[in-house]
Amino acid sequence: MFKAIRRLLAAITFLAVIAAALKTAFEWVAQSGDDDHEVFVDEDRETV
């Protein structure tokens, strides 16, 4: 029983680490300033 709980907690922890790494990677890409690959266009951006 305890072994199953430990494995479940380990799996949840592993998924949380992967999710945090993906979030950090997406935030890093967003800060790069290259908006050529942006899916949604900023509405407040003025087009000339």
PDB file of N, CA and C in Angstrom:
ATOM      1  N   MET A   1       0.819  -1.196   0.000  1.00  0.00           N
ATOM      2  CA  MET A   1       0.000   0.000   0.000  1.00  0.00           C
ATOM      3  C   MET A   1       0.868   1.267   0.000  1.00  0.00           C
ATOM      4  N   PHE A   2       1.873   1.275   0.882  1.00  0.00           N
ATOM      5  CA  PHE A   2       2.737   2.452   0.946  1.00  0.00           C
ATOM      6  C   PHE A   2       3.575   2.602  -0.315  1.00  0.00           C
ATOM      7  N   LYS A   3       3.927   1.465  -0.909  1.00  0.00           N
ATOM      8  CA  LYS A   3       4.720   1.515  -2.142  1.00  0.00           C
ATOM      9  C   LYS A   3       3.905   2.142  -3.271  1.00  0.00           C
ATOM     10  N   ALA A   4       2.627   1.842  -3.332  1.00  0.00           N
ATOM     11  CA  ALA A   4       1.768   2.415  -4.364  1.00  0.00           C
ATOM     12  C   ALA A   4       1.600   3.922  -4.160  1.00  0.00           C
ATOM     13  N   ILE A   5       1.460   4.344  -2.907  1.00  0.00           N
ATOM     14  CA  ILE A   5       1.334   5.774  -2.616  1.00  0.00           C
ATOM     15  C   ILE A   5       2.627   6.498  -2.963  1.00  0.00           C
ATOM     16  N   ARG A   6       3.767   5.900  -2.646  1.00  0.00           N
ATOM     17  CA  ARG A   6       5.052   6.521  -2.987  1.00  0.00           C
ATOM     18  C   ARG A   6       5.224   6.647  -4.492  1.00  0.00           C
ATOM     19  N   ARG A   7       4.829   5.625  -5.217  1.00  0.00           N
ATOM     20  CA  ARG A   7       4.934   5.692  -6.679  1.00  0.00           C
ATOM     21  C   ARG A   7       3.995   6.742  -7.256  1.00  0.00           C
ATOM     22  N   LEU A   8       2.793   6.869  -6.700  1.00  0.00           N
ATOM     23  CA  LEU A   8       1.846   7.881  -7.155  1.00  0.00           C
ATOM     24  C   LEU A   8       2.388   9.285  -6.883  1.00  0.00           C
ATOM     25  N   LEU A   9       2.938   9.502  -5.705  1.00  0.00           N
ATOM     26  CA  LEU A   9       3.521  10.798  -5.382  1.00  0.00           C
ATOM     27  C   LEU A   9       4.731  11.092  -6.266  1.00  0.00           C
ATOM     28  N   ALA A  10       5.526  10.090  -6.561  1.00  0.00           N
ATOM     29  CA  ALA A  10       6.673  10.285  -7.446  1.00  0.00           C
ATOM     30  C   ALA A  10       6.220  10.662  -8.855  1.00  0.00           C
ATOM     31  N   ALA A  11       5.162  10.032  -9.343  1.00  0.00           N
ATOM     32  CA  ALA A  11       4.645  10.349 -10.670  1.00  0.00           C
ATOM     33  C   ALA A  11       4.080  11.769 -10.712  1.00  0.00           C
ATOM     34  N   ILE A  12       3.361  12.167  -9.671  1.00  0.00           N
ATOM     35  CA  ILE A  12       2.813  13.524  -9.614  1.00  0.00           C
ATOM     36  C   ILE A  12       3.934  14.548  -9.548  1.00  0.00           C
ATOM     37  N   THR A  13       4.967  14.265  -8.762  1.00  0.00           N
ATOM     38  CA  THR A  13       6.117  15.168  -8.663  1.00  0.00           C
ATOM     39  C   THR A  13       6.827  15.283  -9.999  1.00  0.00           C
ATOM     40  N   PHE A  14       6.991  14.176 -10.695  1.00  0.00           N
ATOM     41  CA  PHE A  14       7.632  14.184 -12.005  1.00  0.00           C
ATOM     42  C   PHE A  14       6.845  15.036 -12.988  1.00  0.00           C
ATOM     43  N   LEU A  15       5.534  14.891 -12.997  1.00  0.00           N
ATOM     44  CA  LEU A  15       4.693  15.697 -13.891  1.00  0.00           C
ATOM     45  C   LEU A  15       4.755  17.181 -13.530  1.00  0.00           C
ATOM     46  N   ALA A  16       4.836  17.485 -12.235  1.00  0.00           N
ATOM     47  CA  ALA A  16       4.934  18.884 -11.819  1.00  0.00           C
ATOM     48  C   ALA A  16       6.257  19.498 -12.273  1.00  0.00           C
ATOM     49  N   VAL A  17       7.334  18.731 -12.210  1.00  0.00           N
ATOM     50  CA  VAL A  17       8.636  19.224 -12.662  1.00  0.00           C
ATOM     51  C   VAL A  17       8.617  19.468 -14.170  1.00  0.00           C
ATOM     52  N   ILE A  18       8.031  18.564 -14.924  1.00  0.00           N
ATOM     53  CA  ILE A  18       7.930  18.734 -16.373  1.00  0.00           C
ATOM     54  C   ILE A  18       7.078  19.959 -16.703  1.00  0.00           C
ATOM     55  N   ALA A  19       5.964  20.140 -16.008  1.00  0.00           N
ATOM     56  CA  ALA A  19       5.096  21.294 -16.259  1.00  0.00           C
ATOM     57  C   ALA A  19       5.826  22.595 -15.940  1.00  0.00           C
ATOM     58  N   ALA A  20       6.589  22.626 -14.858  1.00  0.00           N
ATOM     59  CA  ALA A  20       7.338  23.831 -14.498  1.00  0.00           C
ATOM     60  C   ALA A  20       8.420  24.134 -15.530  1.00  0.00           C
ATOM     61  N   ALA A  21       9.063  23.089 -16.043  1.00  0.00           N
ATOM     62  CA  ALA A  21      10.093  23.291 -17.065  1.00  0.00           C
ATOM     63  C   ALA A  21       9.480  23.839 -18.346  1.00  0.00           C
ATOM     64  N   LEU A  22       8.331  23.328 -18.743  1.00  0.00           N
ATOM     65  CA  LEU A  22       7.654  23.834 -19.938  1.00  0.00           C
ATOM     66  C   LEU A  22       7.214  25.283 -19.749  1.00  0.00           C
ATOM     67  N   LYS A  23       6.687  25.599 -18.577  1.00  0.00           N
ATOM     68  CA  LYS A  23       6.265  26.970 -18.293  1.00  0.00           C
ATOM     69  C   LYS A  23       7.451  27.920 -18.372  1.00  0.00           C
ATOM     70  N   THR A  24       8.570  27.518 -17.792  1.00  0.00           N
ATOM     71  CA  THR A  24       9.770  28.349 -17.838  1.00  0.00           C
ATOM     72  C   THR A  24      10.258  28.524 -19.269  1.00  0.00           C
ATOM     73  N   ALA A  25      10.208  27.464 -20.050  1.00  0.00           N
ATOM     74  CA  ALA A  25      10.652  27.550 -21.441  1.00  0.00           C
ATOM     75  C   ALA A  25       9.753  28.489 -22.237  1.00  0.00           C
ATOM     76  N   PHE A  26       8.445  28.409 -22.053  1.00  0.00           N
ATOM     77  CA  PHE A  26       7.533  29.289 -22.770  1.00  0.00           C
ATOM     78  C   PHE A  26       7.715  30.745 -22.349  1.00  0.00           C
ATOM     79  N   GLU A  27       7.954  30.981 -21.060  1.00  0.00           N
ATOM     80  CA  GLU A  27       8.193  32.350 -20.599  1.00  0.00           C
ATOM     81  C   GLU A  27       9.490  32.896 -21.182  1.00  0.00           C
ATOM     82  N   TRP A  28      10.516  32.048 -21.295  1.00  0.00           N
ATOM     83  CA  TRP A  28      11.791  32.478 -21.857  1.00  0.00           C
ATOM     84  C   TRP A  28      11.629  32.849 -23.336  1.00  0.00           C
ATOM     85  N   VAL A  29      10.865  32.046 -24.067  1.00  0.00           N
ATOM     86  CA  VAL A  29      10.619  32.336 -25.480  1.00  0.00           C
ATOM     87  C   VAL A  29       9.826  33.633 -25.614  1.00  0.00           C
ATOM     88  N   ALA A  30       8.871  33.853 -24.724  1.00  0.00           N
ATOM     89  CA  ALA A  30       8.058  35.066 -24.782  1.00  0.00           C
ATOM     90  C   ALA A  30       8.892  36.309 -24.515  1.00  0.00           C
ATOM     91  N   GLN A  31       9.943  36.194 -23.724  1.00  0.00           N
ATOM     92  CA  GLN A  31      10.785  37.343 -23.401  1.00  0.00           C
ATOM     93  C   GLN A  31      11.834  37.614 -24.463  1.00  0.00           C
ATOM     94  N   SER A  32      11.981  36.726 -25.432  1.00  0.00           N
ATOM     95  CA  SER A  32      13.036  36.893 -26.431  1.00  0.00           C
ATOM     96  C   SER A  32      12.779  38.082 -27.344  1.00  0.00           C
ATOM     97  N   GLY A  33      11.536  38.551 -27.416  1.00  0.00           N
ATOM     98  CA  GLY A  33      11.213  39.725 -28.212  1.00  0.00           C
ATOM     99  C   GLY A  33      10.939  39.433 -29.671  1.00  0.00           C
ATOM    100  N   ASP A  34      11.064  38.204 -30.093  1.00  0.00           N
ATOM    101  CA  ASP A  34      10.805  37.845 -31.482  1.00  0.00           C
ATOM    102  C   ASP A  34       9.361  37.388 -31.593  1.00  0.00           C
ATOM    103  N   ASP A  35       8.491  38.280 -32.087  1.00  0.00           N
ATOM    104  CA  ASP A  35       7.064  37.991 -32.154  1.00  0.00           C
ATOM    105  C   ASP A  35       6.624  37.468 -33.511  1.00  0.00           C
ATOM    106  N   ASP A  36       7.557  36.974 -34.313  1.00  0.00           N
ATOM    107  CA  ASP A  36       7.190  36.457 -35.629  1.00  0.00           C
ATOM    108  C   ASP A  36       6.345  35.197 -35.528  1.00  0.00           C
ATOM    109  N   HIS A  37       6.495  34.465 -34.446  1.00  0.00           N
ATOM    110  CA  HIS A  37       5.791  33.195 -34.301  1.00  0.00           C
ATOM    111  C   HIS A  37       4.606  33.308 -33.349  1.00  0.00           C
ATOM    112  N   GLU A  38       4.178  34.523 -33.073  1.00  0.00           N
ATOM    113  CA  GLU A  38       3.083  34.723 -32.144  1.00  0.00           C
ATOM    114  C   GLU A  38       1.766  34.330 -32.807  1.00  0.00           C
ATOM    115  N   VAL A  39       0.963  33.577 -32.084  1.00  0.00           N
ATOM    116  CA  VAL A  39      -0.299  33.095 -32.631  1.00  0.00           C
ATOM    117  C   VAL A  39      -1.341  34.209 -32.617  1.00  0.00           C
ATOM    118  N   PHE A  40      -1.448  34.924 -31.503  1.00  0.00           N
ATOM    119  CA  PHE A  40      -2.437  35.977 -31.374  1.00  0.00           C
ATOM    120  C   PHE A  40      -1.742  37.328 -31.486  1.00  0.00           C
ATOM    121  N   VAL A  41      -2.289  38.174 -32.315  1.00  0.00           N
ATOM    122  CA  VAL A  41      -1.714  39.502 -32.512  1.00  0.00           C
ATOM    123  C   VAL A  41      -2.184  40.401 -31.376  1.00  0.00           C
ATOM    124  N   ASP A  42      -1.274  41.221 -30.867  1.00  0.00           N
ATOM    125  CA  ASP A  42      -1.648  42.163 -29.824  1.00  0.00           C
ATOM    126  C   ASP A  42      -2.637  43.176 -30.383  1.00  0.00           C
ATOM    127  N   GLU A  43      -3.742  43.377 -29.671  1.00  0.00           N
ATOM    128  CA  GLU A  43      -4.766  44.297 -30.156  1.00  0.00           C
ATOM    129  C   GLU A  43      -4.333  45.750 -30.035  1.00  0.00           C
ATOM    130  N   ASP A  44      -3.475  46.048 -29.068  1.00  0.00           N
ATOM    131  CA  ASP A  44      -3.085  47.438 -28.871  1.00  0.00           C
ATOM    132  C   ASP A  44      -1.916  47.851 -29.771  1.00  0.00           C
ATOM    133  N   ARG A  45      -1.403  46.945 -30.547  1.00  0.00           N
ATOM    134  CA  ARG A  45      -0.311  47.272 -31.457  1.00  0.00           C
ATOM    135  C   ARG A  45      -0.867  48.063 -32.642  1.00  0.00           C
ATOM    136  N   GLU A  46      -0.206  49.172 -32.952  1.00  0.00           N
ATOM    137  CA  GLU A  46      -0.646  50.001 -34.069  1.00  0.00           C
ATOM    138  C   GLU A  46      -0.001  49.512 -35.349  1.00  0.00           C
ATOM    139  N   THR A  47      -0.790  49.326 -36.371  1.00  0.00           N
ATOM    140  CA  THR A  47      -0.256  48.930 -37.671  1.00  0.00           C
ATOM    141  C   THR A  47      -0.069  50.167 -38.519  1.00  0.00           C
ATOM    142  N   VAL A  48       1.076  50.241 -39.154  1.00  0.00           N
ATOM    143  CA  VAL A  48       1.405  51.429 -39.975  1.00  0.00           C
ATOM    144  C   VAL A  48       1.305  51.060 -41.426  1.00  0.00           C
TER     145      VAL A  48
END
